[in-house]
Amino acid sequence: MDNNDFWIALATAAGLVFVLEGAIYALFPQQMKNMMVQIMSMPASNIRKGGLIAAFIGCAIVWFIRG
């Protein structure tokens, strides 16, 4: 994969993140507001752990698909 392919893949991935995030907020606005209220009461360490787990799963998916 050359440098141009990398940037195209990165831009595509970023675009897909916006599509998925936007769709969730558009389809379930009240549930997203409720979730945000719940997150505000969670300890930062739990949110960090969840983010790290999500990042690890995302890397694993990319590794298996692109590997």
C-alpha atoms as a PDB file:
ATOM      1  CA  MET A   1       0.000   0.000   0.000  1.00  0.00           C
ATOM      2  CA  ASP A   2       1.508   3.308  -1.003  1.00  0.00           C
ATOM      3  CA  ASN A   3       1.185   6.596   0.880  1.00  0.00           C
ATOM      4  CA  ASN A   4      -1.834   7.773  -1.121  1.00  0.00           C
ATOM      5  CA  ASP A   5      -3.756   4.561  -0.376  1.00  0.00           C
ATOM      6  CA  PHE A   6      -3.092   5.072   3.336  1.00  0.00           C
ATOM      7  CA  TRP A   7      -4.624   8.554   3.342  1.00  0.00           C
ATOM      8  CA  ILE A   8      -7.615   7.370   1.316  1.00  0.00           C
ATOM      9  CA  ALA A   9      -8.194   4.521   3.774  1.00  0.00           C
ATOM     10  CA  LEU A  10      -7.793   6.861   6.758  1.00  0.00           C
ATOM     11  CA  ALA A  11     -10.240   9.407   5.316  1.00  0.00           C
ATOM     12  CA  THR A  12     -12.706   6.613   4.518  1.00  0.00           C
ATOM     13  CA  ALA A  13     -12.481   5.275   8.068  1.00  0.00           C
ATOM     14  CA  ALA A  14     -12.985   8.754   9.538  1.00  0.00           C
ATOM     15  CA  GLY A  15     -15.989   9.279   7.276  1.00  0.00           C
ATOM     16  CA  LEU A  16     -17.515   5.995   8.399  1.00  0.00           C
ATOM     17  CA  VAL A  17     -17.090   7.020  12.044  1.00  0.00           C
ATOM     18  CA  PHE A  18     -19.059  10.205  11.335  1.00  0.00           C
ATOM     19  CA  VAL A  19     -21.766   8.236   9.505  1.00  0.00           C
ATOM     20  CA  LEU A  20     -22.184   5.739  12.354  1.00  0.00           C
ATOM     21  CA  GLU A  21     -22.068   8.355  15.116  1.00  0.00           C
ATOM     22  CA  GLY A  22     -24.469  10.627  13.270  1.00  0.00           C
ATOM     23  CA  ALA A  23     -26.893   7.792  12.587  1.00  0.00           C
ATOM     24  CA  ILE A  24     -26.978   6.810  16.266  1.00  0.00           C
ATOM     25  CA  TYR A  25     -27.682  10.382  17.370  1.00  0.00           C
ATOM     26  CA  ALA A  26     -30.291  10.884  14.622  1.00  0.00           C
ATOM     27  CA  LEU A  27     -32.121   7.622  15.275  1.00  0.00           C
ATOM     28  CA  PHE A  28     -31.964   7.585  19.088  1.00  0.00           C
ATOM     29  CA  PRO A  29     -31.600  11.164  20.373  1.00  0.00           C
ATOM     30  CA  GLN A  30     -33.356  10.661  23.722  1.00  0.00           C
ATOM     31  CA  GLN A  31     -31.473   7.458  24.488  1.00  0.00           C
ATOM     32  CA  MET A  32     -28.178   9.212  23.705  1.00  0.00           C
ATOM     33  CA  LYS A  33     -29.075  12.027  26.118  1.00  0.00           C
ATOM     34  CA  ASN A  34     -29.911   9.453  28.808  1.00  0.00           C
ATOM     35  CA  MET A  35     -26.623   7.651  28.190  1.00  0.00           C
ATOM     36  CA  MET A  36     -24.672  10.909  28.510  1.00  0.00           C
ATOM     37  CA  VAL A  37     -26.311  11.607  31.881  1.00  0.00           C
ATOM     38  CA  GLN A  38     -25.316   8.122  33.044  1.00  0.00           C
ATOM     39  CA  ILE A  39     -21.743   8.594  31.814  1.00  0.00           C
ATOM     40  CA  MET A  40     -21.441  11.829  33.794  1.00  0.00           C
ATOM     41  CA  SER A  41     -21.964   9.851  37.007  1.00  0.00           C
ATOM     42  CA  MET A  42     -19.359   7.204  36.149  1.00  0.00           C
ATOM     43  CA  PRO A  43     -15.798   7.366  37.468  1.00  0.00           C
ATOM     44  CA  ALA A  44     -13.271   8.524  34.877  1.00  0.00           C
ATOM     45  CA  SER A  45     -11.322   5.285  35.309  1.00  0.00           C
ATOM     46  CA  ASN A  46     -14.312   3.236  34.118  1.00  0.00           C
ATOM     47  CA  ILE A  47     -14.752   5.458  31.066  1.00  0.00           C
ATOM     48  CA  ARG A  48     -11.017   5.163  30.320  1.00  0.00           C
ATOM     49  CA  LYS A  49     -11.154   1.362  30.605  1.00  0.00           C
ATOM     50  CA  GLY A  50     -14.142   1.237  28.258  1.00  0.00           C
ATOM     51  CA  GLY A  51     -12.322   3.446  25.752  1.00  0.00           C
ATOM     52  CA  LEU A  52      -9.210   1.283  25.885  1.00  0.00           C
ATOM     53  CA  ILE A  53     -11.259  -1.879  25.404  1.00  0.00           C
ATOM     54  CA  ALA A  54     -13.064  -0.330  22.415  1.00  0.00           C
ATOM     55  CA  ALA A  55      -9.733   0.806  20.919  1.00  0.00           C
ATOM     56  CA  PHE A  56      -8.261  -2.685  21.385  1.00  0.00           C
ATOM     57  CA  ILE A  57     -11.271  -4.329  19.738  1.00  0.00           C
ATOM     58  CA  GLY A  58     -11.077  -1.847  16.851  1.00  0.00           C
ATOM     59  CA  CYS A  59      -7.371  -2.560  16.361  1.00  0.00           C
ATOM     60  CA  ALA A  60      -8.039  -6.295  16.431  1.00  0.00           C
ATOM     61  CA  ILE A  61     -10.752  -5.984  13.802  1.00  0.00           C
ATOM     62  CA  VAL A  62      -8.481  -3.934  11.549  1.00  0.00           C
ATOM     63  CA  TRP A  63      -5.608  -6.387  12.138  1.00  0.00           C
ATOM     64  CA  PHE A  64      -7.732  -9.375  11.102  1.00  0.00           C
ATOM     65  CA  ILE A  65      -9.283  -7.660   8.094  1.00  0.00           C
ATOM     66  CA  ARG A  66      -6.086  -6.056   6.782  1.00  0.00           C
ATOM     67  CA  GLY A  67      -3.707  -8.826   7.931  1.00  0.00           C
END
